[in-house]
């Protein structure tokens, strides 16, 4: 493959508008993703951006490219969907040719975007030698991926070679971000509108496509493709989701989940759950007693976005309980705020512990008293709690 074969990925080389940018302009509900402005653009920088499938990483990159093209020549920017490459040698050759093209055109600073790099085994071998020899000293490299563990491992392949680069995580919209996108200012003063928006948020989640009415099958297909790419059985994946959703919102174990399947071992179920975590579908809250984290005890699994909960509930045939989805959205927001979330269980249970906060979520009315310091959220309290929690964070 030669650089000229990538013209369809880099339409700006021929003075044409990019497909993703054009699609973004056509969307009824669209916004400028804030994470774009956090990407360092001064050489040398090696940036990593990771997050779930169809969360808008590619579109965000293309919007950034459009911005860069206002002040830089078209040939200074290259975008490569790494998924199409057969091996890292192809990537290495393309980047060498890009460097030669820059020198020929008298271009000093270059911008390299490698999309879904984690899909190509050993992709970093196509980049690291060029960094080590100083060939990319005047470039900004931005790498994206949809598998958290794989990207984090790849980041470790570049110790001391990141320059001014950053690692950013892109997630579906939080409820605060969702409200902003929907144009509701000061939602705390508009209770009924906020409650209505929250019901919509629980239905659509924070994915750009779902907000614009795209069919859920598109998102489901993207995830099923990931399962297959990682060598997983769709049938086992379906049964694992069924067991998790049917068990919710109670804490459970891998053995208990395995008992709800067609006889798969708990180790098999654990491997699937860990993949779901790696793909940003699930989070996990461990039991915490005092300062001790009980990793071997039952766990609470939560979906990272309401749409994902509905998506895999429908796919697996499991019944999605209202109290579970309320608890999950609180756990996810606490996790984003504090970087950790646990639960506690003794004579009473606390659904979520994070930082200095203890939160119990009730879809209906709370019928018992909890110890001082425990925030008890009834159904209509949840959206306002999320707004207050994320006001200074998201």
Protein backbone atom coordinates (compact mmCIF):
# COMPACT_ATOMS: atom_id res chain seq x y z
CA UNK A 1 0.00 0.00 0.00
CA UNK A 2 1.25 3.46 -0.91
CA UNK A 3 0.32 6.85 0.53
CA UNK A 4 -1.71 7.58 -2.60
CA UNK A 5 -3.99 4.67 -1.72
CA UNK A 6 -5.13 6.58 1.39
CA UNK A 7 -6.61 9.54 -0.47
CA UNK A 8 -10.13 8.32 0.28
CA UNK A 9 -9.30 8.53 4.00
CA UNK A 10 -7.71 11.95 3.56
CA UNK A 11 -10.06 13.82 1.19
CA UNK A 12 -8.53 17.19 2.19
CA UNK A 13 -5.49 16.24 0.07
CA UNK A 14 -7.81 16.76 -2.92
CA UNK A 15 -9.63 19.77 -1.47
CA UNK A 16 -12.72 17.75 -0.52
CA UNK A 17 -14.76 17.73 2.70
CA UNK A 18 -14.45 14.75 5.00
CA UNK A 19 -17.38 12.32 5.21
CA UNK A 20 -17.56 12.32 9.04
CA UNK A 21 -17.56 16.11 9.21
CA UNK A 22 -20.31 16.24 6.60
CA UNK A 23 -22.39 13.72 8.56
CA UNK A 24 -21.80 15.68 11.77
CA UNK A 25 -23.12 18.86 10.14
CA UNK A 26 -26.29 17.03 9.12
CA UNK A 27 -27.09 15.84 12.63
CA UNK A 28 -29.99 17.51 14.37
CA UNK A 29 -28.27 17.28 17.77
CA UNK A 30 -24.55 17.99 17.58
CA UNK A 31 -21.88 19.55 19.73
CA UNK A 32 -18.17 20.30 19.78
CA UNK A 33 -16.65 17.59 22.04
CA UNK A 34 -14.73 19.21 24.88
CA UNK A 35 -12.01 16.56 24.86
CA UNK A 36 -10.79 17.79 21.46
CA UNK A 37 -9.48 20.98 23.05
CA UNK A 38 -7.40 18.98 25.56
CA UNK A 39 -5.25 17.30 22.91
CA UNK A 40 -1.70 18.76 22.85
CA UNK A 41 -0.84 19.97 19.35
CA UNK A 42 2.79 20.99 19.78
CA UNK A 43 5.55 18.62 18.65
CA UNK A 44 6.71 16.31 19.86
CA UNK A 45 3.52 14.82 21.29
CA UNK A 46 2.26 11.25 21.39
CA UNK A 47 -1.38 11.30 22.49
CA UNK A 48 -3.65 8.39 23.33
CA UNK A 49 -7.43 8.65 23.20
CA UNK A 50 -9.53 5.70 24.21
CA UNK A 51 -13.19 5.02 24.87
CA UNK A 52 -16.08 2.78 23.75
CA UNK A 53 -17.14 2.14 20.18
CA UNK A 54 -19.31 4.79 18.47
CA UNK A 55 -18.76 7.33 21.23
CA UNK A 56 -17.55 9.87 18.67
CA UNK A 57 -13.77 9.46 18.71
CA UNK A 58 -13.41 9.36 14.93
CA UNK A 59 -15.79 12.28 14.38
CA UNK A 60 -13.95 14.29 17.04
CA UNK A 61 -10.62 13.59 15.34
CA UNK A 62 -12.04 14.68 11.98
CA UNK A 63 -13.39 17.91 13.51
CA UNK A 64 -9.95 18.60 14.93
CA UNK A 65 -8.39 17.93 11.52
CA UNK A 66 -10.78 20.42 9.93
CA UNK A 67 -9.66 22.99 12.50
CA UNK A 68 -5.97 22.24 11.86
CA UNK A 69 -6.43 22.64 8.10
CA UNK A 70 -7.38 26.29 8.56
CA UNK A 71 -3.79 27.05 9.55
CA UNK A 72 -1.79 24.20 8.01
CA UNK A 73 -1.31 22.77 4.51
CA UNK A 74 -3.42 19.69 3.67
CA UNK A 75 -0.34 17.51 3.21
CA UNK A 76 0.69 18.14 6.84
CA UNK A 77 -2.18 15.99 8.14
CA UNK A 78 -2.57 12.24 7.70
CA UNK A 79 -5.37 10.04 9.02
CA UNK A 80 -5.06 6.25 8.95
CA UNK A 81 -7.75 3.79 10.01
CA UNK A 82 -5.32 1.18 11.27
CA UNK A 83 -8.00 -1.54 11.12
CA UNK A 84 -7.43 -1.91 7.37
CA UNK A 85 -3.69 -2.59 7.62
CA UNK A 86 -2.44 -6.19 7.43
CA UNK A 87 0.48 -5.68 9.83
CA UNK A 88 2.68 -3.09 11.54
CA UNK A 89 5.20 -3.13 8.68
CA UNK A 90 2.59 -1.52 6.45
CA UNK A 91 2.11 1.24 9.03
CA UNK A 92 5.86 1.77 9.29
CA UNK A 93 6.17 2.12 5.51
CA UNK A 94 3.26 4.59 5.28
CA UNK A 95 4.68 6.80 8.02
CA UNK A 96 8.10 6.82 6.36
CA UNK A 97 6.50 7.85 3.09
CA UNK A 98 4.51 10.57 4.90
CA UNK A 99 7.77 11.92 6.33
CA UNK A 100 9.34 11.93 2.86
CA UNK A 101 6.31 13.75 1.42
CA UNK A 102 6.57 16.43 4.12
CA UNK A 103 10.24 16.99 3.37
CA UNK A 104 9.55 17.21 -0.36
CA UNK A 105 6.78 19.79 0.22
CA UNK A 106 8.88 21.76 2.73
CA UNK A 107 6.44 21.05 5.56
CA UNK A 108 8.04 21.11 8.99
CA UNK A 109 5.21 20.21 11.38
CA UNK A 110 3.04 17.13 10.79
CA UNK A 111 -0.12 15.73 12.39
CA UNK A 112 -0.56 11.96 12.38
CA UNK A 113 -3.86 10.35 13.45
CA UNK A 114 -3.95 6.57 13.92
CA UNK A 115 -7.55 5.49 14.47
CA UNK A 116 -8.47 2.21 16.20
CA UNK A 117 -4.80 1.28 16.52
CA UNK A 118 -5.58 -1.31 19.20
CA UNK A 119 -7.25 -3.44 16.49
CA UNK A 120 -3.85 -4.16 14.89
CA UNK A 121 -1.60 -6.49 16.86
CA UNK A 122 1.77 -4.88 17.54
CA UNK A 123 0.85 -1.61 15.81
CA UNK A 124 3.34 0.21 18.04
CA UNK A 125 6.19 -1.51 16.16
CA UNK A 126 5.26 0.69 13.21
CA UNK A 127 5.72 3.88 15.26
CA UNK A 128 8.30 3.32 17.98
CA UNK A 129 11.37 2.91 15.70
CA UNK A 130 10.57 6.22 14.00
CA UNK A 131 10.27 7.97 17.37
CA UNK A 132 13.54 6.41 18.58
CA UNK A 133 15.42 7.68 15.51
CA UNK A 134 13.98 11.20 15.85
CA UNK A 135 12.16 11.00 12.53
CA UNK A 136 8.91 12.19 14.13
CA UNK A 137 10.35 14.92 16.36
CA UNK A 138 8.39 17.60 14.52
CA UNK A 139 5.12 15.69 14.55
CA UNK A 140 2.06 15.30 16.74
CA UNK A 141 0.80 11.70 16.84
CA UNK A 142 -2.67 10.92 18.14
CA UNK A 143 -3.67 7.30 18.63
CA UNK A 144 -7.21 6.05 19.38
CA UNK A 145 -8.51 2.70 20.59
CA UNK A 146 -11.67 1.03 21.89
CA UNK A 147 -10.09 -1.48 24.25
CA UNK A 148 -8.95 0.10 27.51
CA UNK A 149 -6.61 -2.66 28.66
CA UNK A 150 -4.97 -3.07 25.27
CA UNK A 151 -4.42 0.67 24.83
CA UNK A 152 -3.06 1.00 28.36
CA UNK A 153 -0.62 -1.81 27.63
CA UNK A 154 0.35 -0.10 24.38
CA UNK A 155 0.99 3.17 26.24
CA UNK A 156 3.57 1.33 28.33
CA UNK A 157 5.50 0.56 25.14
CA UNK A 158 6.54 4.25 24.99
CA UNK A 159 8.25 4.98 28.34
CA UNK A 160 9.78 8.44 28.23
CA UNK A 161 8.80 8.80 24.57
CA UNK A 162 5.54 10.71 24.87
CA UNK A 163 6.94 14.25 24.73
CA UNK A 164 4.11 16.68 25.55
CA UNK A 165 1.52 13.96 24.88
CA UNK A 166 -1.53 13.17 27.02
CA UNK A 167 -3.84 10.21 27.55
CA UNK A 168 -7.54 11.06 27.33
CA UNK A 169 -10.62 8.94 27.92
CA UNK A 170 -13.77 9.66 25.91
CA UNK A 171 -17.04 8.40 27.39
CA UNK A 172 -20.71 8.81 26.48
CA UNK A 173 -22.21 12.06 27.77
CA UNK A 174 -22.77 12.39 31.50
CA UNK A 175 -26.19 13.66 32.52
CA UNK A 176 -24.76 17.16 33.06
CA UNK A 177 -23.29 17.13 29.54
CA UNK A 178 -26.53 15.74 28.14
CA UNK A 179 -28.54 18.57 29.68
CA UNK A 180 -26.11 21.13 28.23
CA UNK A 181 -26.34 19.56 24.76
CA UNK A 182 -30.13 19.69 25.00
CA UNK A 183 -29.91 23.42 25.68
CA UNK A 184 -31.40 23.50 29.18
CA UNK A 185 -29.61 26.20 31.16
CA UNK A 186 -29.73 26.11 34.97
CA UNK A 187 -31.64 22.80 35.11
CA UNK A 188 -31.87 23.04 38.90
CA UNK A 189 -34.46 25.80 38.39
CA UNK A 190 -36.56 23.75 35.94
CA UNK A 191 -37.54 20.66 37.88
CA UNK A 192 -40.14 19.19 35.52
CA UNK A 193 -38.03 19.76 32.39
CA UNK A 194 -35.03 18.20 34.12
CA UNK A 195 -37.01 15.13 35.19
CA UNK A 196 -38.30 14.72 31.65
CA UNK A 197 -34.79 15.03 30.21
CA UNK A 198 -33.55 12.45 32.70
CA UNK A 199 -36.15 9.94 31.51
CA UNK A 200 -34.92 10.57 27.96
CA UNK A 201 -31.31 10.15 29.09
CA UNK A 202 -32.15 6.78 30.63
CA UNK A 203 -33.59 5.76 27.26
CA UNK A 204 -30.96 7.14 24.84
CA UNK A 205 -27.84 7.26 27.00
CA UNK A 206 -25.04 9.60 25.95
CA UNK A 207 -24.01 8.18 22.57
CA UNK A 208 -24.18 10.71 19.69
CA UNK A 209 -25.93 8.25 17.40
CA UNK A 210 -28.67 7.39 19.86
CA UNK A 211 -29.38 11.07 20.51
CA UNK A 212 -29.94 11.46 16.78
CA UNK A 213 -32.26 8.51 16.46
CA UNK A 214 -29.92 6.00 14.84
CA UNK A 215 -31.08 2.39 15.30
CA UNK A 216 -29.66 0.49 18.25
CA UNK A 217 -28.71 -2.35 15.89
CA UNK A 218 -25.77 -0.26 14.63
CA UNK A 219 -24.28 0.02 18.09
CA UNK A 220 -25.06 -3.61 18.93
CA UNK A 221 -23.38 -4.75 15.72
CA UNK A 222 -20.25 -2.79 16.62
CA UNK A 223 -19.99 -4.57 19.98
CA UNK A 224 -20.79 -8.02 18.61
CA UNK A 225 -17.99 -7.45 16.09
CA UNK A 226 -15.63 -6.69 18.97
CA UNK A 227 -16.62 -9.90 20.79
CA UNK A 228 -15.89 -11.92 17.67
CA UNK A 229 -12.59 -10.10 17.10
CA UNK A 230 -11.51 -11.07 20.62
CA UNK A 231 -12.40 -14.70 19.92
CA UNK A 232 -15.50 -14.83 22.12
CA UNK A 233 -18.68 -16.82 21.57
CA UNK A 234 -21.79 -14.69 21.03
CA UNK A 235 -23.90 -17.32 22.78
CA UNK A 236 -21.77 -17.27 25.93
CA UNK A 237 -21.70 -13.45 25.81
CA UNK A 238 -25.50 -13.39 25.60
CA UNK A 239 -25.92 -15.76 28.55
CA UNK A 240 -23.39 -13.78 30.60
CA UNK A 241 -25.30 -10.53 30.04
CA UNK A 242 -28.54 -12.31 30.88
CA UNK A 243 -27.13 -13.55 34.20
CA UNK A 244 -25.71 -10.13 35.13
CA UNK A 245 -28.92 -8.24 34.36
CA UNK A 246 -31.20 -10.80 36.02
CA UNK A 247 -29.01 -10.70 39.16
CA UNK A 248 -29.04 -6.90 39.38
CA UNK A 249 -28.98 -4.81 41.43
CA UNK A 250 -27.78 -7.40 43.96
CA UNK A 251 -24.12 -8.20 44.42
CA UNK A 252 -23.09 -11.49 42.83
CA UNK A 253 -20.10 -13.71 42.10
CA UNK A 254 -18.68 -15.31 39.00
CA UNK A 255 -19.76 -18.71 40.32
CA UNK A 256 -23.32 -17.50 40.86
CA UNK A 257 -23.42 -16.06 37.36
CA UNK A 258 -22.05 -19.31 35.92
CA UNK A 259 -24.87 -21.27 37.64
CA UNK A 260 -27.36 -19.17 35.66
CA UNK A 261 -25.83 -20.22 32.32
CA UNK A 262 -25.82 -23.47 30.34
CA UNK A 263 -23.08 -25.00 32.44
CA UNK A 264 -20.13 -22.74 31.63
CA UNK A 265 -17.37 -22.58 34.23
CA UNK A 266 -16.97 -19.53 36.42
CA UNK A 267 -13.55 -18.93 34.85
CA UNK A 268 -15.14 -18.67 31.41
CA UNK A 269 -17.78 -16.24 32.71
CA UNK A 270 -15.07 -14.21 34.45
CA UNK A 271 -13.11 -13.90 31.19
CA UNK A 272 -16.22 -12.55 29.43
CA UNK A 273 -17.01 -10.07 32.19
CA UNK A 274 -13.42 -8.83 32.12
CA UNK A 275 -13.69 -8.29 28.35
CA UNK A 276 -16.93 -6.34 28.86
CA UNK A 277 -15.05 -4.14 31.31
CA UNK A 278 -12.20 -3.69 28.85
CA UNK A 279 -14.67 -2.57 26.17
CA UNK A 280 -16.27 0.02 28.49
CA UNK A 281 -19.56 -1.85 28.72
CA UNK A 282 -19.39 -2.78 32.40
CA UNK A 283 -17.87 -1.36 35.56
CA UNK A 284 -17.39 -3.19 38.84
CA UNK A 285 -17.94 -2.11 42.44
CA UNK A 286 -16.11 -4.25 45.00
CA UNK A 287 -17.19 -4.70 48.59
CA UNK A 288 -15.39 -2.30 50.92
CA UNK A 289 -15.20 -2.78 54.69
CA UNK A 290 -13.46 0.12 56.37
CA UNK A 291 -10.25 0.59 54.41
CA UNK A 292 -10.22 -2.99 53.14
CA UNK A 293 -11.33 -3.81 49.61
CA UNK A 294 -12.72 -7.36 49.47
CA UNK A 295 -11.75 -8.38 45.93
CA UNK A 296 -12.73 -12.03 46.40
CA UNK A 297 -16.24 -11.33 47.67
CA UNK A 298 -19.41 -10.70 45.68
CA UNK A 299 -19.30 -7.76 43.29
CA UNK A 300 -21.78 -5.27 41.91
CA UNK A 301 -21.55 -4.93 38.15
CA UNK A 302 -22.93 -1.79 36.51
CA UNK A 303 -23.38 -0.65 32.92
CA UNK A 304 -21.29 2.35 31.89
CA UNK A 305 -24.20 4.00 30.03
CA UNK A 306 -28.01 3.57 30.19
CA UNK A 307 -28.23 2.74 26.48
CA UNK A 308 -25.78 -0.14 26.90
CA UNK A 309 -27.99 -1.53 29.66
CA UNK A 310 -31.04 -1.44 27.38
CA UNK A 311 -29.09 -2.73 24.41
CA UNK A 312 -27.80 -5.87 26.12
CA UNK A 313 -30.98 -6.42 28.07
CA UNK A 314 -32.91 -6.57 24.81
CA UNK A 315 -30.27 -8.73 23.12
CA UNK A 316 -30.05 -11.26 25.96
CA UNK A 317 -33.77 -11.35 26.75
CA UNK A 318 -33.20 -10.31 30.37
CA UNK A 319 -35.68 -8.11 32.21
CA UNK A 320 -34.24 -4.69 33.00
CA UNK A 321 -35.32 -3.52 36.44
CA UNK A 322 -35.89 0.16 37.08
CA UNK A 323 -34.09 0.11 40.43
CA UNK A 324 -31.04 -1.43 38.73
CA UNK A 325 -30.71 1.21 36.01
CA UNK A 326 -31.06 4.03 38.57
CA UNK A 327 -28.34 2.47 40.70
CA UNK A 328 -26.07 1.91 37.69
CA UNK A 329 -26.24 5.51 36.49
CA UNK A 330 -25.33 6.75 39.99
CA UNK A 331 -22.43 4.29 40.27
CA UNK A 332 -21.08 5.32 36.86
CA UNK A 333 -21.23 9.04 37.67
CA UNK A 334 -19.51 8.47 41.00
CA UNK A 335 -16.85 6.40 39.24
CA UNK A 336 -16.20 9.20 36.73
CA UNK A 337 -16.03 11.73 39.55
CA UNK A 338 -13.76 9.80 41.92
CA UNK A 339 -12.09 7.15 39.75
CA UNK A 340 -13.39 4.42 42.06
CA UNK A 341 -16.67 3.09 43.41
CA UNK A 342 -17.43 0.41 46.01
CA UNK A 343 -20.38 -0.86 48.01
CA UNK A 344 -20.91 -1.85 51.65
CA UNK A 345 -23.05 -4.55 53.19
CA UNK A 346 -23.65 -5.44 56.83
CA UNK A 347 -27.02 -5.30 58.57
CA UNK A 348 -27.82 -2.78 55.85
CA UNK A 349 -26.43 -2.18 52.36
CA UNK A 350 -24.99 0.97 50.80
CA UNK A 351 -25.10 0.81 47.00
CA UNK A 352 -22.17 3.09 46.27
CA UNK A 353 -19.18 4.39 48.22
CA UNK A 354 -16.77 6.76 46.46
CA UNK A 355 -14.40 9.32 47.92
CA UNK A 356 -16.10 10.56 51.07
CA UNK A 357 -19.59 9.84 49.76
CA UNK A 358 -21.98 7.03 50.71
CA UNK A 359 -25.06 6.76 48.51
CA UNK A 360 -28.11 4.50 48.64
CA UNK A 361 -30.41 4.53 45.60
CA UNK A 362 -34.13 3.78 45.84
CA UNK A 363 -36.36 3.70 42.77
CA UNK A 364 -39.33 4.21 45.10
CA UNK A 365 -39.67 5.63 48.60
CA UNK A 366 -37.09 4.81 51.25
CA UNK A 367 -38.73 2.78 54.02
CA UNK A 368 -35.89 2.57 56.51
CA UNK A 369 -33.42 4.84 58.23
CA UNK A 370 -29.76 4.79 57.29
CA UNK A 371 -26.74 5.87 59.34
CA UNK A 372 -25.78 9.52 59.38
CA UNK A 373 -23.74 10.53 56.36
CA UNK A 374 -25.53 8.20 53.94
CA UNK A 375 -27.21 10.05 51.06
CA UNK A 376 -30.50 8.28 50.28
CA UNK A 377 -31.76 9.03 46.78
CA UNK A 378 -35.34 8.43 45.82
CA UNK A 379 -36.28 8.30 42.14
CA UNK A 380 -36.76 12.04 41.57
CA UNK A 381 -33.64 12.92 43.55
CA UNK A 382 -31.28 11.09 41.22
CA UNK A 383 -30.98 13.58 38.30
CA UNK A 384 -30.36 16.51 40.64
CA UNK A 385 -27.76 14.53 42.56
CA UNK A 386 -25.98 13.75 39.28
CA UNK A 387 -26.05 17.40 38.25
CA UNK A 388 -24.61 18.55 41.57
CA UNK A 389 -22.00 15.79 41.55
CA UNK A 390 -20.71 16.64 38.08
CA UNK A 391 -21.04 20.42 38.20
CA UNK A 392 -17.34 20.98 38.87
CA UNK A 393 -16.05 17.87 37.16
CA UNK A 394 -17.48 17.05 33.73
